[in-house]
Amino acid sequence: MTRDPMGFALSMMNRLAANPMLDRLGLRTPLERTAYHGTRTGFRTLAFAGREFRRVNNWLPRKRLPIRSRSELFDLSLSDDQRMITDLLGRFARDEIRPAAESADEHGDIPEGVSRAAAELGLPLYAVPSEFGGVAEQQSPVTSLLIAEQLAWGDMGLATGLLAPFSVAQAITRWGTGEQQSRYLPAFCEDQPPVATIAIDEPFPLFNPYKLQTTARETDSGYTLSGLKNGVVRGSGADLLLIGAELHGQPRLFIVESGTPGISVKGDPAMGIRASGAARILLENVQLPPDALLGDDDFDYQGFLDCGSILRCGLAIGTAQAVLDYVIPYCNEREAFGEPISHRQSVAFMISNLAIETDSMRMLTWRAASRLEQGLPAHRETALARLLCNEKAMEAGTNGVQLLGGHGFVKEHPVERWYRDLRSVATQNGGLHA
């Protein structure tokens, strides 16, 4: 039986780990630390879990989810399904994500227990039409926004990582051809859905998502991709990538499967959202088949970015709400000079402003998501929501640290992590899709 280099390396590591001499010589801990960092640093060939997406011969016709019926009223009431989803994910964020957040931030990865629990929830099912095994009946950016809010209340880094496959499934559902949908979407409905992610951002000054430096060149056999991506959520372990590249002067997305030659990955740890496992991906003349181009003439790159902005706003709102929910009891219980510090006007006003700004972020973002859901023009509303969330998210993190004083600076309290995570809202352009 042949063995690939990664399998051979793992075999050697297993033999070495079983050697009792490591314990006698006190070398086990240094070796484990070296092995861990060795697999996460330095460009290496992208080696994934080996999931195979087989081409289908009798693929189903392309399925486009309908939009919600239009209404002249701006209705903020949730449907029964949306209330059920928010209640379920709220408990999941409280019981599973929040307790695991500190360790996930420290190790820069999603814990196995959280991944397993999230798989049991079946998040991607809400992005996949019933014809391919999911439960989605219509396009619902509002539902996607609610999911992001609830997960981010637990932890923004973990929420970002958990939403990456959901976002890829959304994009393929909305713009994929019939063959692409038949090939990839059923996998998202399995007990162990694929790890999938979107790669848009590039590590260049004044990066513009509408002017990508990653290029796609058309060839006789398909396309050739070359470029560099950074901040790719769960990039080092993805089975499937949606990569943005410039084709004929226009930005497009390409579906790239695991194991495609010419792809290298390097860990890309950042100040915040560390649990999302961000990576930097190098593309060197990556050869892709003709059907790797996502969608056809109906692909809307502007709409794709707007949907991603909505989801990132949802992450900001959920984390800002977490800050608010944490500082209120803290300031009511913390005493100085014989009374709770919340009795001081400066503290009370700061908490009030935090509540006002969080709700303003929520209202503006919900309005943009509602217009997207009804198929109405929403670029202006999305841009306004993104601008407000960029500013107020960082302000929420800063004020949260300020309200805790010295405790806001130490890891004993989660506010310092939320501060770092909220700083990321204004720095990312791609990677999620509602």
Protein backbone atom coordinates (compact mmCIF):
# COMPACT_ATOMS: atom_id res chain seq x y z
CA MET A 1 0.00 0.00 0.00
CA THR A 2 1.44 3.37 -0.95
CA ARG A 3 1.69 6.08 1.63
CA ASP A 4 1.80 9.83 0.97
CA PRO A 5 4.46 12.00 2.67
CA MET A 6 1.97 13.26 5.26
CA GLY A 7 0.98 9.70 6.19
CA PHE A 8 4.62 8.67 6.44
CA ALA A 9 5.40 11.63 8.69
CA LEU A 10 2.46 10.86 10.96
CA SER A 11 3.56 7.22 11.17
CA MET A 12 7.05 8.25 12.23
CA MET A 13 5.64 10.69 14.81
CA ASN A 14 3.45 7.93 16.26
CA ARG A 15 6.42 5.57 16.61
CA LEU A 16 8.51 8.28 18.21
CA ALA A 17 5.72 9.27 20.59
CA ALA A 18 5.45 5.64 21.80
CA ASN A 19 9.13 5.48 22.74
CA PRO A 20 9.48 5.37 26.58
CA MET A 21 12.91 7.01 26.32
CA LEU A 22 11.18 10.38 25.81
CA ASP A 23 9.86 10.30 29.38
CA ARG A 24 13.16 9.14 30.85
CA LEU A 25 15.06 11.94 29.14
CA GLY A 26 12.36 14.59 29.79
CA LEU A 27 11.94 15.26 26.07
CA ARG A 28 8.24 14.53 25.56
CA THR A 29 6.92 18.04 26.25
CA PRO A 30 9.52 19.86 24.08
CA LEU A 31 8.96 17.37 21.27
CA GLU A 32 5.18 17.77 21.38
CA ARG A 33 5.55 21.56 21.38
CA THR A 34 7.95 21.42 18.43
CA ALA A 35 5.67 19.09 16.49
CA TYR A 36 2.65 21.31 17.12
CA HIS A 37 4.34 24.51 15.99
CA GLY A 38 6.11 22.74 13.15
CA THR A 39 2.81 21.85 11.58
CA ARG A 40 1.45 25.38 11.92
CA THR A 41 4.33 27.55 10.73
CA GLY A 42 6.19 27.85 7.44
CA PHE A 43 4.65 27.41 4.01
CA ARG A 44 3.89 23.78 3.32
CA THR A 45 1.87 21.79 0.81
CA LEU A 46 -1.79 22.09 1.69
CA ALA A 47 -2.79 18.67 3.08
CA PHE A 48 -6.43 18.28 4.02
CA ALA A 49 -8.62 15.54 5.38
CA GLY A 50 -8.81 13.92 1.96
CA ARG A 51 -12.54 14.35 1.35
CA GLU A 52 -13.35 13.64 -2.26
CA PHE A 53 -16.10 15.49 -4.10
CA ARG A 54 -16.96 13.21 -6.99
CA ARG A 55 -18.26 14.58 -10.23
CA VAL A 56 -21.86 13.61 -10.87
CA ASN A 57 -23.30 12.52 -14.19
CA ASN A 58 -27.02 12.81 -13.44
CA TRP A 59 -26.99 16.10 -11.62
CA LEU A 60 -30.13 17.90 -10.57
CA PRO A 61 -31.25 21.11 -12.27
CA ARG A 62 -29.97 24.31 -10.72
CA LYS A 63 -32.03 25.36 -7.72
CA ARG A 64 -32.48 29.02 -6.78
CA LEU A 65 -34.16 29.75 -3.47
CA PRO A 66 -37.01 32.27 -3.75
CA ILE A 67 -36.88 35.63 -2.01
CA ARG A 68 -39.33 36.59 0.70
CA SER A 69 -42.48 38.38 -0.41
CA ARG A 70 -42.05 42.13 -0.30
CA SER A 71 -43.65 44.29 2.33
CA GLU A 72 -44.00 48.02 2.62
CA LEU A 73 -43.50 47.75 6.39
CA PHE A 74 -40.19 47.34 8.18
CA ASP A 75 -41.23 44.41 10.36
CA LEU A 76 -38.77 43.32 13.06
CA SER A 77 -40.87 40.43 14.38
CA LEU A 78 -39.26 37.00 14.01
CA SER A 79 -40.96 33.96 12.55
CA ASP A 80 -41.51 30.84 14.65
CA ASP A 81 -38.56 29.14 12.95
CA GLN A 82 -36.29 32.11 13.62
CA ARG A 83 -37.27 32.20 17.28
CA MET A 84 -36.56 28.49 17.55
CA ILE A 85 -33.15 28.93 15.91
CA THR A 86 -32.15 31.86 18.13
CA ASP A 87 -33.24 30.00 21.29
CA LEU A 88 -31.33 26.88 20.26
CA LEU A 89 -28.16 28.73 19.28
CA GLY A 90 -28.38 30.96 22.34
CA ARG A 91 -28.18 27.87 24.55
CA PHE A 92 -25.39 26.45 22.39
CA ALA A 93 -23.41 29.69 22.72
CA ARG A 94 -23.91 29.73 26.49
CA ASP A 95 -23.26 26.04 27.19
CA GLU A 96 -20.67 25.08 24.57
CA ILE A 97 -18.98 28.11 23.00
CA ARG A 98 -18.52 30.44 25.99
CA PRO A 99 -16.81 27.82 28.23
CA ALA A 100 -14.42 26.80 25.43
CA ALA A 101 -13.58 30.32 24.21
CA GLU A 102 -10.52 31.05 26.35
CA SER A 103 -8.79 27.77 25.48
CA ALA A 104 -9.72 28.12 21.80
CA ASP A 105 -8.24 31.63 21.70
CA GLU A 106 -5.03 30.42 23.33
CA HIS A 107 -4.56 27.45 20.98
CA GLY A 108 -5.85 29.21 17.87
CA ASP A 109 -8.24 26.48 16.84
CA ILE A 110 -11.78 25.18 17.33
CA PRO A 111 -11.91 22.49 20.04
CA GLU A 112 -13.05 19.06 18.91
CA GLY A 113 -15.98 19.11 21.31
CA VAL A 114 -17.32 22.37 19.90
CA SER A 115 -16.89 21.16 16.31
CA ARG A 116 -18.73 17.95 17.13
CA ALA A 117 -21.58 19.77 18.89
CA ALA A 118 -21.87 22.25 15.99
CA ALA A 119 -22.02 19.38 13.49
CA GLU A 120 -24.89 17.88 15.48
CA LEU A 121 -26.76 21.19 15.19
CA GLY A 122 -26.56 20.96 11.39
CA LEU A 123 -25.98 24.65 10.68
CA PRO A 124 -25.27 24.13 6.94
CA LEU A 125 -28.71 22.55 6.55
CA TYR A 126 -30.21 26.04 6.79
CA ALA A 127 -28.20 27.04 3.71
CA VAL A 128 -29.01 24.04 1.49
CA PRO A 129 -32.29 23.51 -0.42
CA SER A 130 -34.34 20.40 0.33
CA GLU A 131 -33.56 18.96 -3.11
CA PHE A 132 -29.96 18.47 -1.94
CA GLY A 133 -30.74 17.33 1.60
CA GLY A 134 -31.10 20.63 3.46
CA VAL A 135 -34.05 22.49 4.95
CA ALA A 136 -33.74 25.95 3.34
CA GLU A 137 -36.94 27.12 1.67
CA GLN A 138 -36.01 30.70 0.75
CA GLN A 139 -33.13 33.13 0.85
CA SER A 140 -32.93 34.47 4.37
CA PRO A 141 -30.09 36.90 5.18
CA VAL A 142 -32.05 37.81 8.32
CA THR A 143 -31.84 34.25 9.63
CA SER A 144 -28.11 34.16 8.80
CA LEU A 145 -27.67 37.42 10.70
CA LEU A 146 -29.50 36.03 13.73
CA ILE A 147 -27.29 32.93 13.68
CA ALA A 148 -24.15 35.09 13.61
CA GLU A 149 -25.38 37.21 16.52
CA GLN A 150 -26.13 34.25 18.74
CA LEU A 151 -22.86 32.43 18.03
CA ALA A 152 -20.77 35.59 18.47
CA TRP A 153 -22.32 36.18 21.90
CA GLY A 154 -20.43 33.03 22.89
CA ASP A 155 -17.19 33.99 21.12
CA MET A 156 -16.49 35.83 17.88
CA GLY A 157 -13.46 33.73 16.93
CA LEU A 158 -15.31 30.44 17.29
CA ALA A 159 -18.39 31.89 15.59
CA THR A 160 -16.31 33.00 12.61
CA GLY A 161 -14.83 29.54 12.23
CA LEU A 162 -18.16 27.77 12.60
CA LEU A 163 -19.85 30.06 10.07
CA ALA A 164 -17.24 29.54 7.34
CA PRO A 165 -18.73 26.27 5.94
CA PHE A 166 -22.22 27.74 6.29
CA SER A 167 -21.11 30.72 4.17
CA VAL A 168 -19.66 28.52 1.43
CA ALA A 169 -22.87 26.49 1.27
CA GLN A 170 -24.85 29.75 1.02
CA ALA A 171 -22.74 30.98 -1.89
CA ILE A 172 -23.00 27.71 -3.83
CA THR A 173 -26.75 27.60 -3.20
CA ARG A 174 -27.23 31.15 -4.42
CA TRP A 175 -24.94 31.15 -7.47
CA GLY A 176 -23.73 27.62 -8.19
CA THR A 177 -24.60 25.81 -11.40
CA GLY A 178 -26.73 22.66 -11.26
CA GLU A 179 -23.63 20.48 -11.51
CA GLN A 180 -21.83 22.42 -8.75
CA GLN A 181 -24.84 22.24 -6.45
CA SER A 182 -25.32 18.51 -7.06
CA ARG A 183 -21.66 17.82 -6.45
CA TYR A 184 -21.00 19.87 -3.33
CA LEU A 185 -24.21 20.69 -1.46
CA PRO A 186 -25.17 17.12 -0.39
CA ALA A 187 -21.83 16.87 1.46
CA PHE A 188 -22.86 19.77 3.72
CA CYS A 189 -25.85 17.72 4.88
CA GLU A 190 -23.80 14.72 6.03
CA ASP A 191 -23.10 13.91 9.67
CA GLN A 192 -19.58 15.26 9.21
CA PRO A 193 -19.91 18.20 6.79
CA PRO A 194 -16.77 19.41 5.01
CA VAL A 195 -14.65 22.20 6.39
CA ALA A 196 -15.06 24.94 3.81
CA THR A 197 -14.01 28.57 3.73
CA ILE A 198 -13.78 31.70 1.58
CA ALA A 199 -10.50 33.43 0.66
CA ILE A 200 -10.83 37.07 -0.44
CA ASP A 201 -8.46 39.26 1.61
CA GLU A 202 -4.89 39.87 0.43
CA PRO A 203 -1.88 41.14 2.45
CA PHE A 204 -1.25 44.30 0.44
CA PRO A 205 -1.49 47.99 1.42
CA LEU A 206 -4.84 49.63 0.63
CA PHE A 207 -6.34 46.27 -0.30
CA ASN A 208 -9.47 46.68 -2.39
CA PRO A 209 -11.77 43.61 -2.67
CA TYR A 210 -12.94 44.91 -6.05
CA LYS A 211 -9.36 45.00 -7.41
CA LEU A 212 -7.86 41.63 -6.55
CA GLN A 213 -4.18 40.95 -7.17
CA THR A 214 -4.85 37.22 -7.27
CA THR A 215 -5.34 36.46 -10.96
CA ALA A 216 -7.13 33.74 -12.92
CA ARG A 217 -5.95 32.99 -16.45
CA GLU A 218 -8.10 31.04 -18.87
CA THR A 219 -6.39 28.03 -20.44
CA ASP A 220 -7.31 25.22 -22.83
CA SER A 221 -8.01 22.92 -19.87
CA GLY A 222 -9.73 25.45 -17.57
CA TYR A 223 -8.10 28.12 -15.41
CA THR A 224 -4.79 28.87 -13.72
CA LEU A 225 -4.79 30.74 -10.39
CA SER A 226 -1.85 32.64 -8.91
CA GLY A 227 -1.74 34.94 -5.91
CA LEU A 228 -1.60 35.26 -2.13
CA LYS A 229 -4.47 35.29 0.38
CA ASN A 230 -4.36 36.10 4.07
CA GLY A 231 -6.73 35.86 7.02
CA VAL A 232 -8.37 32.75 5.53
CA VAL A 233 -10.60 31.33 8.27
CA ARG A 234 -9.79 27.64 8.96
CA GLY A 235 -7.58 27.76 5.89
CA SER A 236 -5.12 25.11 7.09
CA GLY A 237 -7.77 22.40 7.43
CA ALA A 238 -10.29 23.20 4.72
CA ASP A 239 -11.68 20.55 2.39
CA LEU A 240 -13.08 23.21 0.06
CA LEU A 241 -12.08 26.79 -0.74
CA LEU A 242 -13.92 29.60 -2.51
CA ILE A 243 -11.09 31.79 -3.78
CA GLY A 244 -11.56 35.28 -5.18
CA ALA A 245 -9.49 36.13 -8.25
CA GLU A 246 -9.47 38.64 -11.10
CA LEU A 247 -10.70 37.14 -14.38
CA HIS A 248 -10.87 39.29 -17.51
CA GLY A 249 -10.72 42.39 -15.33
CA GLN A 250 -13.62 41.29 -13.11
CA PRO A 251 -13.52 39.64 -9.66
CA ARG A 252 -14.92 36.09 -9.62
CA LEU A 253 -14.96 33.13 -7.23
CA PHE A 254 -13.41 29.74 -7.93
CA ILE A 255 -14.17 26.44 -6.19
CA VAL A 256 -10.91 24.75 -5.21
CA GLU A 257 -10.86 21.29 -3.64
CA SER A 258 -8.38 19.95 -1.14
CA GLY A 259 -5.19 18.46 -2.44
CA THR A 260 -5.07 20.59 -5.59
CA PRO A 261 -1.37 20.95 -6.54
CA GLY A 262 0.20 24.39 -6.25
CA ILE A 263 -1.43 25.46 -2.96
CA SER A 264 0.65 26.16 0.13
CA VAL A 265 -0.48 27.31 3.54
CA LYS A 266 1.07 29.12 6.47
CA GLY A 267 -0.38 29.98 9.86
CA ASP A 268 -1.49 33.60 10.04
CA PRO A 269 -2.20 34.32 13.75
CA ALA A 270 -3.66 37.73 14.46
CA MET A 271 -4.49 39.97 17.38
CA GLY A 272 -8.13 38.87 17.49
CA ILE A 273 -10.51 36.07 16.41
CA ARG A 274 -7.62 33.68 17.00
CA ALA A 275 -9.93 30.70 17.45
CA SER A 276 -10.93 30.96 13.78
CA GLY A 277 -7.57 29.44 12.79
CA ALA A 278 -6.68 32.06 10.18
CA ALA A 279 -4.11 31.09 7.55
CA ARG A 280 -2.20 32.61 4.66
CA ILE A 281 -2.55 30.73 1.37
CA LEU A 282 -0.13 30.91 -1.54
CA LEU A 283 -1.39 29.98 -5.01
CA GLU A 284 1.30 29.05 -7.53
CA ASN A 285 -0.09 28.25 -10.97
CA VAL A 286 -2.97 26.25 -9.55
CA GLN A 287 -4.64 24.32 -12.39
CA LEU A 288 -8.44 24.18 -12.20
CA PRO A 289 -11.05 22.58 -14.48
CA PRO A 290 -13.57 24.73 -16.40
CA ASP A 291 -16.35 23.98 -13.91
CA ALA A 292 -14.35 25.49 -11.03
CA LEU A 293 -15.72 28.96 -11.81
CA LEU A 294 -18.63 29.56 -9.43
CA GLY A 295 -21.90 30.26 -11.21
CA ASP A 296 -22.41 31.80 -14.61
CA ASP A 297 -23.75 35.10 -15.91
CA ASP A 298 -26.01 35.66 -12.90
CA PHE A 299 -23.10 35.82 -10.42
CA ASP A 300 -23.18 39.10 -8.45
CA TYR A 301 -19.88 39.91 -6.76
CA GLN A 302 -21.27 43.09 -5.23
CA GLY A 303 -24.14 41.12 -3.72
CA PHE A 304 -21.67 38.53 -2.46
CA LEU A 305 -19.65 41.18 -0.58
CA ASP A 306 -22.82 42.80 0.78
CA CYS A 307 -23.97 39.49 2.22
CA GLY A 308 -20.57 39.02 3.82
CA SER A 309 -20.77 42.49 5.35
CA ILE A 310 -24.14 41.64 6.89
CA LEU A 311 -22.72 38.53 8.54
CA ARG A 312 -19.69 40.40 9.92
CA CYS A 313 -22.02 43.05 11.32
CA GLY A 314 -23.92 40.24 13.02
CA LEU A 315 -20.69 39.02 14.63
CA ALA A 316 -19.97 42.55 15.87
CA ILE A 317 -23.48 42.94 17.30
CA GLY A 318 -23.35 39.62 19.12
CA THR A 319 -19.98 40.40 20.69
CA ALA A 320 -21.00 43.94 21.65
CA GLN A 321 -24.09 42.45 23.32
CA ALA A 322 -21.82 40.07 25.21
CA VAL A 323 -19.78 43.03 26.47
CA LEU A 324 -22.94 44.83 27.57
CA ASP A 325 -24.35 41.77 29.34
CA TYR A 326 -21.05 41.33 31.18
CA VAL A 327 -20.35 44.91 32.32
CA ILE A 328 -23.83 45.60 33.76
CA PRO A 329 -23.69 43.04 36.61
CA TYR A 330 -19.97 43.73 37.08
CA CYS A 331 -20.54 47.46 37.62
CA ASN A 332 -23.54 46.79 39.87
CA GLU A 333 -21.53 44.44 42.08
CA ARG A 334 -18.15 46.20 42.06
CA GLU A 335 -17.95 48.67 44.93
CA ALA A 336 -15.71 51.70 45.39
CA PHE A 337 -15.93 54.22 48.23
CA GLY A 338 -18.81 52.27 49.78
CA GLU A 339 -21.15 52.05 46.79
CA PRO A 340 -21.46 50.25 43.43
CA ILE A 341 -19.48 51.99 40.70
CA SER A 342 -22.65 52.01 38.56
CA HIS A 343 -23.92 54.79 40.85
CA ARG A 344 -21.31 57.11 39.29
CA GLN A 345 -22.80 59.08 36.44
CA SER A 346 -19.79 58.63 34.19
CA VAL A 347 -20.09 54.84 34.50
CA ALA A 348 -23.88 54.82 34.10
CA PHE A 349 -23.70 57.05 31.02
CA MET A 350 -21.02 54.86 29.44
CA ILE A 351 -23.15 51.73 29.93
CA SER A 352 -26.22 53.53 28.56
CA ASN A 353 -24.32 54.62 25.47
CA LEU A 354 -23.06 51.06 24.98
CA ALA A 355 -26.65 49.80 25.04
CA ILE A 356 -27.82 52.52 22.64
CA GLU A 357 -25.02 51.92 20.15
CA THR A 358 -25.51 48.14 20.24
CA ASP A 359 -29.18 48.54 19.42
CA SER A 360 -28.41 51.08 16.70
CA MET A 361 -26.00 48.60 15.12
CA ARG A 362 -28.68 45.92 15.31
CA MET A 363 -31.48 48.04 13.82
CA LEU A 364 -29.44 49.31 10.90
CA THR A 365 -28.08 45.86 10.10
CA TRP A 366 -31.48 44.18 10.39
CA ARG A 367 -32.88 46.77 7.99
CA ALA A 368 -30.18 46.02 5.41
CA ALA A 369 -30.68 42.25 5.84
CA SER A 370 -34.44 42.64 5.47
CA ARG A 371 -34.04 44.48 2.17
CA LEU A 372 -31.63 41.83 0.90
CA GLU A 373 -34.11 39.14 1.88
CA GLN A 374 -36.86 40.82 -0.14
CA GLY A 375 -34.64 41.28 -3.18
CA LEU A 376 -34.66 45.07 -2.81
CA PRO A 377 -31.60 47.27 -3.49
CA ALA A 378 -29.60 47.20 -0.26
CA HIS A 379 -26.04 48.25 -1.07
CA ARG A 380 -26.50 51.67 0.54
CA GLU A 381 -28.07 50.21 3.69
CA THR A 382 -25.38 47.53 3.89
CA ALA A 383 -22.60 50.11 3.56
CA LEU A 384 -24.14 52.25 6.31
CA ALA A 385 -24.47 49.24 8.61
CA ARG A 386 -20.87 48.22 7.93
CA LEU A 387 -19.61 51.75 8.59
CA LEU A 388 -21.52 52.03 11.87
CA CYS A 389 -20.45 48.58 13.06
CA ASN A 390 -16.81 49.28 12.17
CA GLU A 391 -16.84 52.33 14.44
CA LYS A 392 -19.12 51.25 17.27
CA ALA A 393 -17.76 47.71 17.60
CA MET A 394 -14.30 49.03 18.44
CA GLU A 395 -15.87 51.58 20.76
CA ALA A 396 -17.79 48.82 22.56
CA GLY A 397 -14.61 46.83 23.11
CA THR A 398 -12.70 49.88 24.34
CA ASN A 399 -15.46 50.94 26.75
CA GLY A 400 -15.83 47.39 28.03
CA VAL A 401 -12.17 47.33 29.03
CA GLN A 402 -12.48 50.83 30.50
CA LEU A 403 -15.47 49.89 32.65
CA LEU A 404 -13.59 46.96 34.19
CA GLY A 405 -10.57 49.10 34.93
CA GLY A 406 -7.52 46.96 35.71
CA HIS A 407 -9.63 43.81 35.38
CA GLY A 408 -10.31 44.68 31.77
CA PHE A 409 -6.62 44.31 30.99
CA VAL A 410 -6.14 40.77 32.33
CA LYS A 411 -7.26 37.40 30.96
CA GLU A 412 -9.20 36.58 34.11
CA HIS A 413 -12.13 38.35 32.46
CA PRO A 414 -13.22 37.77 28.83
CA VAL A 415 -13.53 41.47 28.03
CA GLU A 416 -9.89 41.75 26.93
CA ARG A 417 -10.51 38.98 24.38
CA TRP A 418 -13.70 40.65 23.17
CA TYR A 419 -11.75 43.90 22.78
CA ARG A 420 -9.22 42.16 20.53
CA ASP A 421 -11.95 40.41 18.54
CA LEU A 422 -13.97 43.58 17.99
CA ARG A 423 -10.91 45.31 16.58
CA SER A 424 -11.05 42.84 13.67
CA VAL A 425 -14.45 44.01 12.43
CA ALA A 426 -13.01 46.97 10.51
CA THR A 427 -10.07 45.04 9.04
CA GLN A 428 -11.74 42.16 7.17
CA ASN A 429 -13.38 42.39 3.77
CA GLY A 430 -14.18 38.83 2.74
CA GLY A 431 -14.58 35.38 4.19
CA LEU A 432 -18.26 35.15 5.09
CA HIS A 433 -21.52 35.11 3.20
CA ALA A 434 -25.08 35.40 4.49
